[in-house]
């Protein structure tokens, strides 16, 4: 028997349901699942992020819709879900990196930056009067000649991947990646695979002009952005 009304678990962020669920966090993840997709993958000598920009109005300037942002020249992040929430977390990450550089006189790792943001995600699942962030982020970069790709989501979890996806069509994208992704692929093949899985996600609404790509290599760890 429920100790309180079942609806209370639906409304309250800080109450676990009897089966161990936080419904508001699950709703925040659904906001991510409704967002335009972003894909990340490590390839033979680098790492890549690819995002799809949904342009639903011909009056919109396409370049104003961004899916991939620079945190530091060697760290890039892709977002899916509520754009405003993502922007707030990205600005936090950018300030955090600058503070780290001023304090320690060195550049932070991709893992450090993602962990700091995941801590903010997690904190917003604990306190009343707040709501979880309705976005997920993919952080990519090169650390010590190694390709790094991390995902963090509204729950505050943080996982490292060789290839990952967030946003709409995630299950379809991951199914295709499991079949066709190879860690030793070239940059050209990684871009082709990224374009393919994004087209699978968007289906009949797909427009190749709306793809945004960011990549870095061991030889040139500063991200190159193209769209």
C-alpha atoms as a PDB file:
ATOM      1  CA  UNK A   1       0.000   0.000   0.000  1.00  0.00           C
ATOM      2  CA  UNK A   2       1.329   3.467  -0.892  1.00  0.00           C
ATOM      3  CA  UNK A   3       2.223   5.512   2.261  1.00  0.00           C
ATOM      4  CA  UNK A   4       1.167   8.681   0.423  1.00  0.00           C
ATOM      5  CA  UNK A   5      -0.936   9.444  -2.615  1.00  0.00           C
ATOM      6  CA  UNK A   6       0.588   7.971  -5.812  1.00  0.00           C
ATOM      7  CA  UNK A   7       0.256  11.393  -7.431  1.00  0.00           C
ATOM      8  CA  UNK A   8       2.739  12.806  -4.912  1.00  0.00           C
ATOM      9  CA  UNK A   9       5.561  10.815  -6.510  1.00  0.00           C
ATOM     10  CA  UNK A  10       4.625  12.296  -9.855  1.00  0.00           C
ATOM     11  CA  UNK A  11       4.738  15.891  -8.619  1.00  0.00           C
ATOM     12  CA  UNK A  12       7.594  15.839  -6.138  1.00  0.00           C
ATOM     13  CA  UNK A  13      11.189  15.766  -7.298  1.00  0.00           C
ATOM     14  CA  UNK A  14      12.658  14.541  -4.013  1.00  0.00           C
ATOM     15  CA  UNK A  15      10.368  11.547  -3.395  1.00  0.00           C
ATOM     16  CA  UNK A  16      11.263   8.085  -4.619  1.00  0.00           C
ATOM     17  CA  UNK A  17       8.296   5.952  -5.609  1.00  0.00           C
ATOM     18  CA  UNK A  18       8.021   2.563  -3.864  1.00  0.00           C
ATOM     19  CA  UNK A  19       9.706   0.917  -6.870  1.00  0.00           C
ATOM     20  CA  UNK A  20      12.673   3.306  -6.673  1.00  0.00           C
ATOM     21  CA  UNK A  21      11.835   5.787  -9.422  1.00  0.00           C
ATOM     22  CA  UNK A  22      12.084   9.574  -9.623  1.00  0.00           C
ATOM     23  CA  UNK A  23       9.331  10.466 -12.049  1.00  0.00           C
ATOM     24  CA  UNK A  24      10.435  14.055 -12.658  1.00  0.00           C
ATOM     25  CA  UNK A  25      13.876  12.826 -13.723  1.00  0.00           C
ATOM     26  CA  UNK A  26      12.233  10.367 -16.092  1.00  0.00           C
ATOM     27  CA  UNK A  27      10.134  13.184 -17.572  1.00  0.00           C
ATOM     28  CA  UNK A  28      13.311  15.229 -18.060  1.00  0.00           C
ATOM     29  CA  UNK A  29      14.823  12.300 -19.975  1.00  0.00           C
ATOM     30  CA  UNK A  30      11.744  12.295 -22.195  1.00  0.00           C
ATOM     31  CA  UNK A  31      12.464  15.946 -23.010  1.00  0.00           C
ATOM     32  CA  UNK A  32      15.881  14.769 -24.208  1.00  0.00           C
ATOM     33  CA  UNK A  33      14.314  11.989 -26.271  1.00  0.00           C
ATOM     34  CA  UNK A  34      12.165  14.567 -28.070  1.00  0.00           C
ATOM     35  CA  UNK A  35      15.152  16.714 -28.984  1.00  0.00           C
ATOM     36  CA  UNK A  36      17.048  16.661 -32.278  1.00  0.00           C
ATOM     37  CA  UNK A  37      19.740  13.966 -32.166  1.00  0.00           C
ATOM     38  CA  UNK A  38      23.474  14.258 -31.561  1.00  0.00           C
ATOM     39  CA  UNK A  39      25.994  11.497 -32.252  1.00  0.00           C
ATOM     40  CA  UNK A  40      29.540  11.135 -30.982  1.00  0.00           C
ATOM     41  CA  UNK A  41      32.239   8.621 -31.870  1.00  0.00           C
ATOM     42  CA  UNK A  42      35.943   7.989 -31.590  1.00  0.00           C
ATOM     43  CA  UNK A  43      37.682   7.055 -34.828  1.00  0.00           C
ATOM     44  CA  UNK A  44      41.205   5.941 -35.797  1.00  0.00           C
ATOM     45  CA  UNK A  45      43.054   9.052 -34.669  1.00  0.00           C
ATOM     46  CA  UNK A  46      40.399  11.385 -33.346  1.00  0.00           C
ATOM     47  CA  UNK A  47      36.901  12.029 -32.058  1.00  0.00           C
ATOM     48  CA  UNK A  48      33.813  13.504 -33.697  1.00  0.00           C
ATOM     49  CA  UNK A  49      30.439  15.004 -32.795  1.00  0.00           C
ATOM     50  CA  UNK A  50      27.576  15.343 -35.246  1.00  0.00           C
ATOM     51  CA  UNK A  51      24.254  17.036 -34.608  1.00  0.00           C
ATOM     52  CA  UNK A  52      21.067  17.573 -36.583  1.00  0.00           C
ATOM     53  CA  UNK A  53      19.497  21.033 -36.590  1.00  0.00           C
ATOM     54  CA  UNK A  54      15.721  20.943 -36.929  1.00  0.00           C
ATOM     55  CA  UNK A  55      14.579  23.962 -38.936  1.00  0.00           C
ATOM     56  CA  UNK A  56      10.789  24.029 -38.827  1.00  0.00           C
ATOM     57  CA  UNK A  57      10.325  27.557 -40.149  1.00  0.00           C
ATOM     58  CA  UNK A  58      11.846  28.937 -43.355  1.00  0.00           C
ATOM     59  CA  UNK A  59      12.169  32.351 -41.669  1.00  0.00           C
ATOM     60  CA  UNK A  60      14.732  30.988 -39.205  1.00  0.00           C
ATOM     61  CA  UNK A  61      18.396  31.668 -39.914  1.00  0.00           C
ATOM     62  CA  UNK A  62      19.837  28.107 -39.893  1.00  0.00           C
ATOM     63  CA  UNK A  63      23.195  29.179 -38.436  1.00  0.00           C
ATOM     64  CA  UNK A  64      21.412  30.481 -35.343  1.00  0.00           C
ATOM     65  CA  UNK A  65      20.317  26.945 -34.415  1.00  0.00           C
ATOM     66  CA  UNK A  66      23.310  25.219 -32.842  1.00  0.00           C
ATOM     67  CA  UNK A  67      23.758  21.676 -31.599  1.00  0.00           C
ATOM     68  CA  UNK A  68      27.510  21.691 -30.950  1.00  0.00           C
ATOM     69  CA  UNK A  69      29.441  24.194 -28.840  1.00  0.00           C
ATOM     70  CA  UNK A  70      33.045  24.826 -27.899  1.00  0.00           C
ATOM     71  CA  UNK A  71      33.981  24.611 -24.227  1.00  0.00           C
ATOM     72  CA  UNK A  72      37.716  24.908 -24.867  1.00  0.00           C
ATOM     73  CA  UNK A  73      39.588  24.511 -28.170  1.00  0.00           C
ATOM     74  CA  UNK A  74      40.208  20.845 -27.309  1.00  0.00           C
ATOM     75  CA  UNK A  75      36.761  20.165 -25.786  1.00  0.00           C
ATOM     76  CA  UNK A  76      33.487  20.181 -27.722  1.00  0.00           C
ATOM     77  CA  UNK A  77      29.966  19.409 -26.492  1.00  0.00           C
ATOM     78  CA  UNK A  78      26.776  18.363 -28.262  1.00  0.00           C
ATOM     79  CA  UNK A  79      23.318  18.891 -26.772  1.00  0.00           C
ATOM     80  CA  UNK A  80      19.822  17.493 -27.109  1.00  0.00           C
ATOM     81  CA  UNK A  81      16.661  18.513 -25.279  1.00  0.00           C
ATOM     82  CA  UNK A  82      15.738  21.936 -23.908  1.00  0.00           C
ATOM     83  CA  UNK A  83      18.069  24.447 -25.554  1.00  0.00           C
ATOM     84  CA  UNK A  84      17.876  26.981 -22.721  1.00  0.00           C
ATOM     85  CA  UNK A  85      18.843  24.352 -20.146  1.00  0.00           C
ATOM     86  CA  UNK A  86      21.761  23.236 -22.308  1.00  0.00           C
ATOM     87  CA  UNK A  87      22.971  26.808 -22.746  1.00  0.00           C
ATOM     88  CA  UNK A  88      22.987  27.351 -18.985  1.00  0.00           C
ATOM     89  CA  UNK A  89      25.097  24.238 -18.392  1.00  0.00           C
ATOM     90  CA  UNK A  90      27.474  25.046 -21.246  1.00  0.00           C
ATOM     91  CA  UNK A  91      28.082  28.529 -19.864  1.00  0.00           C
ATOM     92  CA  UNK A  92      28.755  26.952 -16.460  1.00  0.00           C
ATOM     93  CA  UNK A  93      31.271  24.554 -18.038  1.00  0.00           C
ATOM     94  CA  UNK A  94      33.026  27.391 -19.884  1.00  0.00           C
ATOM     95  CA  UNK A  95      33.389  29.451 -16.679  1.00  0.00           C
ATOM     96  CA  UNK A  96      34.531  26.383 -14.768  1.00  0.00           C
ATOM     97  CA  UNK A  97      37.280  25.727 -17.331  1.00  0.00           C
ATOM     98  CA  UNK A  98      38.511  29.323 -17.115  1.00  0.00           C
ATOM     99  CA  UNK A  99      38.598  29.164 -13.307  1.00  0.00           C
ATOM    100  CA  UNK A 100      40.503  25.872 -13.464  1.00  0.00           C
ATOM    101  CA  UNK A 101      43.109  27.349 -15.827  1.00  0.00           C
ATOM    102  CA  UNK A 102      43.580  30.414 -13.623  1.00  0.00           C
ATOM    103  CA  UNK A 103      43.885  28.305 -10.467  1.00  0.00           C
ATOM    104  CA  UNK A 104      46.112  25.475 -11.693  1.00  0.00           C
ATOM    105  CA  UNK A 105      47.731  27.013 -14.780  1.00  0.00           C
ATOM    106  CA  UNK A 106      46.821  23.979 -16.848  1.00  0.00           C
ATOM    107  CA  UNK A 107      43.999  22.787 -19.097  1.00  0.00           C
ATOM    108  CA  UNK A 108      41.399  20.434 -17.515  1.00  0.00           C
ATOM    109  CA  UNK A 109      40.625  17.032 -18.983  1.00  0.00           C
ATOM    110  CA  UNK A 110      37.426  16.173 -20.810  1.00  0.00           C
ATOM    111  CA  UNK A 111      36.493  13.843 -17.956  1.00  0.00           C
ATOM    112  CA  UNK A 112      36.913  16.610 -15.380  1.00  0.00           C
ATOM    113  CA  UNK A 113      34.681  19.029 -17.305  1.00  0.00           C
ATOM    114  CA  UNK A 114      31.965  16.422 -17.817  1.00  0.00           C
ATOM    115  CA  UNK A 115      32.095  15.363 -14.158  1.00  0.00           C
ATOM    116  CA  UNK A 116      31.627  18.947 -12.980  1.00  0.00           C
ATOM    117  CA  UNK A 117      28.544  19.337 -15.172  1.00  0.00           C
ATOM    118  CA  UNK A 118      27.178  15.938 -14.118  1.00  0.00           C
ATOM    119  CA  UNK A 119      27.452  17.110 -10.495  1.00  0.00           C
ATOM    120  CA  UNK A 120      25.159  20.037 -11.347  1.00  0.00           C
ATOM    121  CA  UNK A 121      22.731  17.667 -13.048  1.00  0.00           C
ATOM    122  CA  UNK A 122      22.676  15.452  -9.965  1.00  0.00           C
ATOM    123  CA  UNK A 123      22.247  18.340  -7.522  1.00  0.00           C
ATOM    124  CA  UNK A 124      19.044  19.359  -9.302  1.00  0.00           C
ATOM    125  CA  UNK A 125      17.526  15.956  -8.527  1.00  0.00           C
ATOM    126  CA  UNK A 126      17.821  16.420  -4.752  1.00  0.00           C
ATOM    127  CA  UNK A 127      16.268  19.720  -3.771  1.00  0.00           C
ATOM    128  CA  UNK A 128      12.660  20.824  -3.559  1.00  0.00           C
ATOM    129  CA  UNK A 129      11.660  23.925  -5.488  1.00  0.00           C
ATOM    130  CA  UNK A 130      13.831  23.012  -8.471  1.00  0.00           C
ATOM    131  CA  UNK A 131      13.397  20.806 -11.513  1.00  0.00           C
ATOM    132  CA  UNK A 132      15.865  18.569 -13.351  1.00  0.00           C
ATOM    133  CA  UNK A 133      17.590  19.939 -16.437  1.00  0.00           C
ATOM    134  CA  UNK A 134      15.764  18.764 -19.540  1.00  0.00           C
ATOM    135  CA  UNK A 135      18.871  18.170 -21.597  1.00  0.00           C
ATOM    136  CA  UNK A 136      21.665  15.654 -22.119  1.00  0.00           C
ATOM    137  CA  UNK A 137      25.230  16.416 -23.198  1.00  0.00           C
ATOM    138  CA  UNK A 138      27.967  14.602 -25.097  1.00  0.00           C
ATOM    139  CA  UNK A 139      31.485  15.841 -24.283  1.00  0.00           C
ATOM    140  CA  UNK A 140      34.305  15.008 -26.697  1.00  0.00           C
ATOM    141  CA  UNK A 141      38.012  15.782 -26.788  1.00  0.00           C
ATOM    142  CA  UNK A 142      41.611  14.590 -26.903  1.00  0.00           C
ATOM    143  CA  UNK A 143      43.505  14.009 -23.638  1.00  0.00           C
ATOM    144  CA  UNK A 144      47.099  12.731 -23.630  1.00  0.00           C
ATOM    145  CA  UNK A 145      46.747  11.473 -27.200  1.00  0.00           C
ATOM    146  CA  UNK A 146      43.599   9.536 -26.306  1.00  0.00           C
ATOM    147  CA  UNK A 147      40.116  10.057 -27.723  1.00  0.00           C
ATOM    148  CA  UNK A 148      37.543  10.766 -25.024  1.00  0.00           C
ATOM    149  CA  UNK A 149      33.743  10.767 -25.278  1.00  0.00           C
ATOM    150  CA  UNK A 150      31.454  11.130 -22.242  1.00  0.00           C
ATOM    151  CA  UNK A 151      27.686  11.373 -21.856  1.00  0.00           C
ATOM    152  CA  UNK A 152      25.815  12.937 -18.966  1.00  0.00           C
ATOM    153  CA  UNK A 153      22.031  13.249 -18.572  1.00  0.00           C
ATOM    154  CA  UNK A 154      19.326  14.700 -16.268  1.00  0.00           C
ATOM    155  CA  UNK A 155      19.944  12.040 -13.608  1.00  0.00           C
ATOM    156  CA  UNK A 156      23.566  13.148 -13.201  1.00  0.00           C
ATOM    157  CA  UNK A 157      24.996   9.871 -14.451  1.00  0.00           C
ATOM    158  CA  UNK A 158      28.226   9.984 -16.443  1.00  0.00           C
ATOM    159  CA  UNK A 159      29.395   7.252 -18.824  1.00  0.00           C
ATOM    160  CA  UNK A 160      32.327   7.019 -21.229  1.00  0.00           C
ATOM    161  CA  UNK A 161      31.696   5.614 -24.720  1.00  0.00           C
ATOM    162  CA  UNK A 162      33.469   4.768 -27.941  1.00  0.00           C
ATOM    163  CA  UNK A 163      30.282   5.792 -29.764  1.00  0.00           C
ATOM    164  CA  UNK A 164      27.082   7.264 -28.344  1.00  0.00           C
ATOM    165  CA  UNK A 165      23.870   9.078 -29.235  1.00  0.00           C
ATOM    166  CA  UNK A 166      21.360  11.307 -27.469  1.00  0.00           C
ATOM    167  CA  UNK A 167      18.018  12.681 -28.571  1.00  0.00           C
ATOM    168  CA  UNK A 168      15.246  11.457 -30.851  1.00  0.00           C
ATOM    169  CA  UNK A 169      15.757   8.087 -32.501  1.00  0.00           C
ATOM    170  CA  UNK A 170      18.497   7.115 -30.049  1.00  0.00           C
ATOM    171  CA  UNK A 171      17.572   3.418 -30.086  1.00  0.00           C
ATOM    172  CA  UNK A 172      17.630   3.261 -33.892  1.00  0.00           C
ATOM    173  CA  UNK A 173      20.943   5.090 -34.011  1.00  0.00           C
ATOM    174  CA  UNK A 174      22.564   2.812 -31.434  1.00  0.00           C
ATOM    175  CA  UNK A 175      21.286  -0.260 -33.249  1.00  0.00           C
ATOM    176  CA  UNK A 176      22.967   0.930 -36.439  1.00  0.00           C
ATOM    177  CA  UNK A 177      26.164   1.904 -34.605  1.00  0.00           C
ATOM    178  CA  UNK A 178      26.390  -1.514 -32.962  1.00  0.00           C
ATOM    179  CA  UNK A 179      26.377  -3.067 -36.426  1.00  0.00           C
ATOM    180  CA  UNK A 180      28.576  -0.668 -38.368  1.00  0.00           C
ATOM    181  CA  UNK A 181      30.794   1.309 -35.979  1.00  0.00           C
ATOM    182  CA  UNK A 182      34.520   0.507 -35.969  1.00  0.00           C
ATOM    183  CA  UNK A 183      36.959   2.291 -33.719  1.00  0.00           C
ATOM    184  CA  UNK A 184      39.717   2.182 -36.373  1.00  0.00           C
ATOM    185  CA  UNK A 185      37.635   3.900 -39.086  1.00  0.00           C
ATOM    186  CA  UNK A 186      38.986   6.976 -40.846  1.00  0.00           C
ATOM    187  CA  UNK A 187      37.632  10.495 -40.347  1.00  0.00           C
ATOM    188  CA  UNK A 188      35.911  10.324 -43.732  1.00  0.00           C
ATOM    189  CA  UNK A 189      34.139   7.087 -42.822  1.00  0.00           C
ATOM    190  CA  UNK A 190      33.206   8.453 -39.392  1.00  0.00           C
ATOM    191  CA  UNK A 191      31.560  11.477 -41.030  1.00  0.00           C
ATOM    192  CA  UNK A 192      29.689   9.226 -43.481  1.00  0.00           C
ATOM    193  CA  UNK A 193      28.463   7.008 -40.631  1.00  0.00           C
ATOM    194  CA  UNK A 194      27.374  10.066 -38.648  1.00  0.00           C
ATOM    195  CA  UNK A 195      25.384  11.395 -41.596  1.00  0.00           C
ATOM    196  CA  UNK A 196      23.821   7.969 -42.115  1.00  0.00           C
ATOM    197  CA  UNK A 197      22.614   7.480 -38.539  1.00  0.00           C
ATOM    198  CA  UNK A 198      21.264  11.034 -38.340  1.00  0.00           C
ATOM    199  CA  UNK A 199      19.272  10.421 -41.514  1.00  0.00           C
ATOM    200  CA  UNK A 200      17.863   7.230 -39.951  1.00  0.00           C
ATOM    201  CA  UNK A 201      16.699   9.231 -36.958  1.00  0.00           C
ATOM    202  CA  UNK A 202      15.016  12.027 -38.897  1.00  0.00           C
ATOM    203  CA  UNK A 203      13.626   9.813 -41.714  1.00  0.00           C
ATOM    204  CA  UNK A 204      11.474  11.812 -44.175  1.00  0.00           C
ATOM    205  CA  UNK A 205      12.304  15.163 -42.501  1.00  0.00           C
ATOM    206  CA  UNK A 206      16.034  14.723 -43.070  1.00  0.00           C
ATOM    207  CA  UNK A 207      17.991  17.465 -44.855  1.00  0.00           C
ATOM    208  CA  UNK A 208      21.748  17.006 -45.172  1.00  0.00           C
ATOM    209  CA  UNK A 209      22.236  20.784 -45.078  1.00  0.00           C
ATOM    210  CA  UNK A 210      21.101  20.761 -41.439  1.00  0.00           C
ATOM    211  CA  UNK A 211      23.963  18.591 -40.175  1.00  0.00           C
ATOM    212  CA  UNK A 212      26.588  20.164 -37.930  1.00  0.00           C
ATOM    213  CA  UNK A 213      29.964  18.424 -37.491  1.00  0.00           C
ATOM    214  CA  UNK A 214      32.828  18.976 -35.064  1.00  0.00           C
ATOM    215  CA  UNK A 215      36.003  16.877 -34.910  1.00  0.00           C
ATOM    216  CA  UNK A 216      39.518  16.827 -33.514  1.00  0.00           C
ATOM    217  CA  UNK A 217      42.486  14.555 -34.162  1.00  0.00           C
ATOM    218  CA  UNK A 218      45.581  13.580 -32.234  1.00  0.00           C
ATOM    219  CA  UNK A 219      47.670  15.551 -34.728  1.00  0.00           C
ATOM    220  CA  UNK A 220      45.381  18.577 -34.357  1.00  0.00           C
ATOM    221  CA  UNK A 221      43.530  18.382 -31.001  1.00  0.00           C
ATOM    222  CA  UNK A 222      41.760  21.712 -31.553  1.00  0.00           C
ATOM    223  CA  UNK A 223      38.235  21.103 -32.829  1.00  0.00           C
ATOM    224  CA  UNK A 224      37.271  21.964 -36.383  1.00  0.00           C
ATOM    225  CA  UNK A 225      33.630  23.027 -36.807  1.00  0.00           C
ATOM    226  CA  UNK A 226      31.732  22.665 -40.057  1.00  0.00           C
ATOM    227  CA  UNK A 227      28.093  22.722 -41.129  1.00  0.00           C
END
